[in-house]
């Protein structure tokens, strides 16, 4: 049964976790890349798809792509997962997704 699930999802190369503290700090592991960021949102690429953080006064405190770790601080309003297929695919730029 576990093998069937792995075959459907594909083998993931990194583990992934999200730790949020008081909606002011979030630590995410399994990060492959940061697609875009500003004070209102951060869009991350993981092996499991995209994660979008929404908030106010967001800033990246730590980014280590070798370890796959990201720490963001600010007022976190929402965290949203999206499949990579739904946003134009892994490696697709923000502008190409906007102007489809």
N, C-alpha and C. Protein backbone atom coordinates (compact mmCIF):
# COMPACT_ATOMS: atom_id res chain seq x y z
N UNK A 1 0.82 -1.20 0.00
CA UNK A 1 0.00 0.00 0.00
C UNK A 1 0.86 1.26 0.00
N UNK A 2 1.89 1.31 0.85
CA UNK A 2 2.78 2.48 0.89
C UNK A 2 3.48 2.64 -0.44
N UNK A 3 3.87 1.54 -1.05
CA UNK A 3 4.54 1.60 -2.34
C UNK A 3 3.64 2.22 -3.40
N UNK A 4 2.35 1.88 -3.37
CA UNK A 4 1.39 2.47 -4.33
C UNK A 4 1.31 3.97 -4.16
N UNK A 5 1.30 4.46 -2.93
CA UNK A 5 1.23 5.90 -2.67
C UNK A 5 2.49 6.58 -3.19
N UNK A 6 3.67 5.99 -2.92
CA UNK A 6 4.93 6.56 -3.40
C UNK A 6 4.98 6.61 -4.91
N UNK A 7 4.45 5.59 -5.59
CA UNK A 7 4.46 5.59 -7.04
C UNK A 7 3.55 6.66 -7.61
N UNK A 8 2.42 6.92 -6.95
CA UNK A 8 1.49 7.95 -7.44
C UNK A 8 2.06 9.35 -7.23
N UNK A 9 2.67 9.59 -6.08
CA UNK A 9 3.20 10.92 -5.78
C UNK A 9 4.60 11.12 -6.34
N UNK A 10 5.32 10.05 -6.61
CA UNK A 10 6.72 10.17 -7.00
C UNK A 10 7.57 10.21 -5.75
N UNK A 11 8.81 9.88 -5.88
CA UNK A 11 9.70 9.84 -4.74
C UNK A 11 10.17 11.26 -4.43
N UNK A 12 10.03 11.67 -3.19
CA UNK A 12 10.43 13.01 -2.75
C UNK A 12 11.87 12.94 -2.25
N UNK A 13 12.69 13.93 -2.62
CA UNK A 13 14.10 13.88 -2.26
C UNK A 13 14.38 14.49 -0.89
N UNK A 14 13.53 15.37 -0.37
CA UNK A 14 13.75 16.00 0.92
C UNK A 14 12.51 15.86 1.79
N UNK A 15 12.75 15.85 3.10
CA UNK A 15 11.61 15.89 4.00
C UNK A 15 11.11 17.32 4.06
N UNK A 16 9.88 17.48 4.50
CA UNK A 16 9.26 18.81 4.50
C UNK A 16 8.53 19.01 5.82
N UNK A 17 8.71 20.19 6.41
CA UNK A 17 7.98 20.53 7.63
C UNK A 17 7.73 22.03 7.69
N UNK A 18 6.69 22.38 8.42
CA UNK A 18 6.35 23.78 8.65
C UNK A 18 6.15 23.96 10.15
N UNK A 19 6.88 24.91 10.74
CA UNK A 19 6.74 25.22 12.15
C UNK A 19 6.43 26.71 12.27
N UNK A 20 5.21 27.02 12.76
CA UNK A 20 4.81 28.41 12.92
C UNK A 20 4.74 28.74 14.40
N UNK A 21 5.32 29.89 14.76
CA UNK A 21 5.34 30.33 16.14
C UNK A 21 4.57 31.65 16.26
N UNK A 22 3.44 31.60 16.95
CA UNK A 22 2.63 32.79 17.26
C UNK A 22 2.27 33.63 16.04
N UNK A 23 2.15 33.01 14.88
CA UNK A 23 1.83 33.71 13.63
C UNK A 23 2.78 34.87 13.35
N UNK A 24 3.98 34.80 13.94
CA UNK A 24 4.99 35.85 13.73
C UNK A 24 6.27 35.31 13.09
N UNK A 25 6.47 34.01 13.16
CA UNK A 25 7.69 33.40 12.64
C UNK A 25 7.34 32.01 12.11
N UNK A 26 7.81 31.71 10.91
CA UNK A 26 7.59 30.38 10.34
C UNK A 26 8.92 29.85 9.82
N UNK A 27 9.19 28.59 10.17
CA UNK A 27 10.37 27.89 9.69
C UNK A 27 9.88 26.76 8.79
N UNK A 28 10.37 26.73 7.56
CA UNK A 28 9.94 25.74 6.58
C UNK A 28 11.18 24.99 6.09
N UNK A 29 11.11 23.67 6.10
CA UNK A 29 12.19 22.85 5.56
C UNK A 29 11.70 22.16 4.29
N UNK A 30 12.64 21.72 3.49
CA UNK A 30 12.30 21.10 2.21
C UNK A 30 12.14 22.12 1.11
N UNK A 31 12.68 23.32 1.30
CA UNK A 31 12.56 24.40 0.30
C UNK A 31 13.61 24.19 -0.78
N UNK A 32 13.17 24.24 -2.04
CA UNK A 32 14.05 24.09 -3.18
C UNK A 32 14.47 25.46 -3.71
N UNK A 33 13.53 26.43 -3.71
CA UNK A 33 13.81 27.75 -4.25
C UNK A 33 12.77 28.74 -3.72
N UNK A 34 13.09 30.03 -3.79
CA UNK A 34 12.13 31.09 -3.51
C UNK A 34 11.78 31.71 -4.85
N UNK A 35 10.51 31.59 -5.25
CA UNK A 35 10.07 32.09 -6.55
C UNK A 35 9.93 33.60 -6.55
N UNK A 36 9.34 34.16 -5.49
CA UNK A 36 9.20 35.61 -5.38
C UNK A 36 8.93 35.96 -3.92
N UNK A 37 9.20 37.23 -3.58
CA UNK A 37 8.90 37.68 -2.22
C UNK A 37 8.80 39.19 -2.19
N UNK A 38 7.98 39.66 -1.30
CA UNK A 38 7.88 41.08 -0.95
C UNK A 38 7.31 41.14 0.46
N UNK A 39 6.94 42.32 0.91
CA UNK A 39 6.44 42.47 2.28
C UNK A 39 5.08 41.82 2.51
N UNK A 40 4.35 41.53 1.43
CA UNK A 40 3.00 40.98 1.57
C UNK A 40 2.92 39.48 1.26
N UNK A 41 3.90 38.92 0.55
CA UNK A 41 3.82 37.50 0.22
C UNK A 41 5.20 36.93 -0.09
N UNK A 42 5.33 35.63 0.16
CA UNK A 42 6.54 34.88 -0.18
C UNK A 42 6.06 33.61 -0.87
N UNK A 43 6.58 33.34 -2.07
CA UNK A 43 6.21 32.16 -2.83
C UNK A 43 7.43 31.24 -2.88
N UNK A 44 7.27 30.03 -2.35
CA UNK A 44 8.35 29.06 -2.24
C UNK A 44 8.10 27.87 -3.14
N UNK A 45 9.17 27.25 -3.60
CA UNK A 45 9.09 26.01 -4.35
C UNK A 45 9.63 24.91 -3.45
N UNK A 46 8.83 23.83 -3.29
CA UNK A 46 9.27 22.66 -2.54
C UNK A 46 9.10 21.44 -3.44
N UNK A 47 9.60 20.31 -2.98
CA UNK A 47 9.40 19.07 -3.73
C UNK A 47 7.93 18.68 -3.78
N UNK A 48 7.13 19.25 -2.90
CA UNK A 48 5.70 18.92 -2.81
C UNK A 48 4.82 19.96 -3.48
N UNK A 49 5.40 20.92 -4.19
CA UNK A 49 4.64 21.96 -4.85
C UNK A 49 5.02 23.33 -4.31
N UNK A 50 4.15 24.29 -4.51
CA UNK A 50 4.40 25.66 -4.09
C UNK A 50 3.75 25.93 -2.74
N UNK A 51 4.37 26.81 -1.96
CA UNK A 51 3.78 27.33 -0.74
C UNK A 51 3.79 28.85 -0.87
N UNK A 52 2.65 29.47 -0.59
CA UNK A 52 2.56 30.92 -0.58
C UNK A 52 2.22 31.38 0.82
N UNK A 53 3.08 32.24 1.37
CA UNK A 53 2.82 32.86 2.66
C UNK A 53 2.25 34.25 2.39
N UNK A 54 1.15 34.58 3.04
CA UNK A 54 0.55 35.91 2.93
C UNK A 54 0.67 36.58 4.29
N UNK A 55 0.93 37.87 4.29
CA UNK A 55 1.04 38.58 5.56
C UNK A 55 1.38 40.04 5.38
N UNK A 56 1.90 40.61 6.44
CA UNK A 56 2.31 42.02 6.44
C UNK A 56 3.70 42.11 7.04
N UNK A 57 4.51 43.01 6.49
CA UNK A 57 5.88 43.23 6.96
C UNK A 57 6.68 41.94 7.00
N UNK A 58 6.50 41.09 5.99
CA UNK A 58 7.24 39.83 5.93
C UNK A 58 8.67 40.09 5.50
N UNK A 59 9.60 39.42 6.15
CA UNK A 59 10.99 39.47 5.71
C UNK A 59 11.65 38.12 5.95
N UNK A 60 12.56 37.79 5.07
CA UNK A 60 13.27 36.53 5.15
C UNK A 60 14.47 36.70 6.06
N UNK A 61 14.46 35.97 7.17
CA UNK A 61 15.58 36.04 8.12
C UNK A 61 16.69 35.09 7.74
N UNK A 62 16.33 33.93 7.21
CA UNK A 62 17.34 32.95 6.85
C UNK A 62 16.87 32.17 5.63
N UNK A 63 17.78 31.98 4.70
CA UNK A 63 17.52 31.15 3.53
C UNK A 63 18.77 30.33 3.27
N UNK A 64 18.65 29.02 3.38
CA UNK A 64 19.75 28.11 3.10
C UNK A 64 19.22 27.02 2.17
N UNK A 65 19.46 27.19 0.89
CA UNK A 65 18.92 26.24 -0.09
C UNK A 65 19.67 24.91 -0.07
N UNK A 66 20.91 24.90 0.41
CA UNK A 66 21.63 23.64 0.52
C UNK A 66 20.95 22.73 1.54
N UNK A 67 20.52 23.32 2.67
CA UNK A 67 19.80 22.56 3.69
C UNK A 67 18.30 22.56 3.45
N UNK A 68 17.82 23.43 2.56
CA UNK A 68 16.40 23.52 2.27
C UNK A 68 15.61 24.20 3.36
N UNK A 69 16.23 25.14 4.09
CA UNK A 69 15.55 25.79 5.22
C UNK A 69 15.32 27.27 4.94
N UNK A 70 14.13 27.73 5.33
CA UNK A 70 13.75 29.13 5.21
C UNK A 70 13.08 29.57 6.49
N UNK A 71 13.44 30.76 6.97
CA UNK A 71 12.78 31.36 8.13
C UNK A 71 12.26 32.72 7.71
N UNK A 72 10.95 32.92 7.91
CA UNK A 72 10.29 34.18 7.57
C UNK A 72 9.67 34.74 8.85
N UNK A 73 9.84 36.05 9.06
CA UNK A 73 9.21 36.71 10.20
C UNK A 73 8.32 37.85 9.70
N UNK A 74 7.32 38.19 10.48
CA UNK A 74 6.36 39.23 10.17
C UNK A 74 4.99 38.76 10.65
N UNK A 75 3.95 39.49 10.28
CA UNK A 75 2.59 39.09 10.63
C UNK A 75 2.07 38.14 9.56
N UNK A 76 1.96 36.87 9.91
CA UNK A 76 1.55 35.83 8.95
C UNK A 76 0.04 35.69 9.00
N UNK A 77 -0.60 35.91 7.86
CA UNK A 77 -2.05 35.84 7.76
C UNK A 77 -2.52 34.49 7.22
N UNK A 78 -1.77 33.95 6.25
CA UNK A 78 -2.19 32.68 5.64
C UNK A 78 -1.00 31.96 5.06
N UNK A 79 -1.12 30.63 4.99
CA UNK A 79 -0.15 29.76 4.35
C UNK A 79 -0.94 28.87 3.41
N UNK A 80 -0.58 28.88 2.14
CA UNK A 80 -1.36 28.16 1.13
C UNK A 80 -0.46 27.25 0.32
N UNK A 81 -0.88 25.99 0.16
CA UNK A 81 -0.19 25.03 -0.69
C UNK A 81 -0.83 25.03 -2.07
N UNK A 82 -0.01 24.84 -3.11
CA UNK A 82 -0.49 24.68 -4.48
C UNK A 82 0.36 23.62 -5.16
N UNK A 83 -0.26 22.80 -6.00
CA UNK A 83 0.51 21.85 -6.79
C UNK A 83 1.32 22.62 -7.81
N UNK A 84 2.48 22.11 -8.17
CA UNK A 84 3.31 22.79 -9.15
C UNK A 84 2.60 22.88 -10.50
N UNK A 85 1.75 21.89 -10.82
CA UNK A 85 1.02 21.93 -12.09
C UNK A 85 0.03 23.09 -12.11
N UNK A 86 -0.54 23.45 -10.98
CA UNK A 86 -1.53 24.50 -10.92
C UNK A 86 -0.96 25.90 -11.07
N UNK A 87 0.37 26.06 -10.91
CA UNK A 87 0.97 27.38 -11.01
C UNK A 87 1.92 27.49 -12.18
N UNK A 88 1.83 26.61 -13.12
CA UNK A 88 2.67 26.72 -14.30
C UNK A 88 3.87 25.80 -14.29
N UNK A 89 4.05 25.04 -13.25
CA UNK A 89 5.15 24.08 -13.21
C UNK A 89 6.35 24.60 -12.49
N UNK A 90 7.13 23.67 -12.00
CA UNK A 90 8.35 23.99 -11.26
C UNK A 90 9.31 24.72 -12.18
N UNK A 91 9.89 25.80 -11.70
CA UNK A 91 10.84 26.55 -12.48
C UNK A 91 10.19 27.61 -13.36
N UNK A 92 8.91 27.67 -13.39
CA UNK A 92 8.21 28.67 -14.18
C UNK A 92 8.24 30.00 -13.44
N UNK A 93 8.50 31.08 -14.15
CA UNK A 93 8.58 32.38 -13.52
C UNK A 93 7.23 32.97 -13.21
N UNK A 94 7.24 33.96 -12.34
CA UNK A 94 6.01 34.62 -11.92
C UNK A 94 5.30 35.29 -13.09
N UNK A 95 6.05 35.98 -13.94
CA UNK A 95 5.42 36.68 -15.07
C UNK A 95 4.77 35.72 -16.06
N UNK A 96 5.39 34.57 -16.28
CA UNK A 96 4.78 33.61 -17.22
C UNK A 96 3.48 33.06 -16.67
N UNK A 97 3.39 32.96 -15.33
CA UNK A 97 2.13 32.49 -14.74
C UNK A 97 1.06 33.56 -14.80
N UNK A 98 1.45 34.83 -14.67
CA UNK A 98 0.47 35.92 -14.69
C UNK A 98 -0.10 36.15 -16.08
N UNK A 99 0.72 36.00 -17.12
CA UNK A 99 0.31 36.33 -18.47
C UNK A 99 -0.03 35.10 -19.30
N UNK A 100 -0.67 34.11 -18.70
CA UNK A 100 -1.11 32.93 -19.44
C UNK A 100 -2.34 33.22 -20.23
